[in-house]
């Protein structure tokens, strides 16, 4: 059974860090973040900004867990984007993660449309097909 919850506190930040590092080792470049990108989101900010972000559960980061272990993380890096960090055995969660991210993380474009950007490796047919089926270009 998979549960979903917001990132809440420094322990979660560190657990996601460990998940991303292990996921990069498992999945490789282009399919998982290199750990420095996650660290840059947390440690390269003012202490006050970081404290404010950790003061209450995040509305912009979600964790998917199975048996108490993180198997997926959906989070932005900027405005109007989402990165899906997924354990290779849980790629089936990508659709559910996008369904959460689209209304939560999208930005409004100049024409008043909600737009979200996400990413797929050029050889990741399953992800490309999923995105195409959801209307992504």
Foldseek 3Di string as FASTA:
>chain_A
DKDKDFQAADVSLVLVLVLQCVLCVVVHPQQGDDSVLSVCVAVVDDPVVNCVCNVGTDLFKMFMDDPRHTAWIWHDSDAQEIEIRGRPVVPVCPLVSVVSCQVRRFDQDPVRDTHHDYDHRPPPVVVVVSCVVVPHD
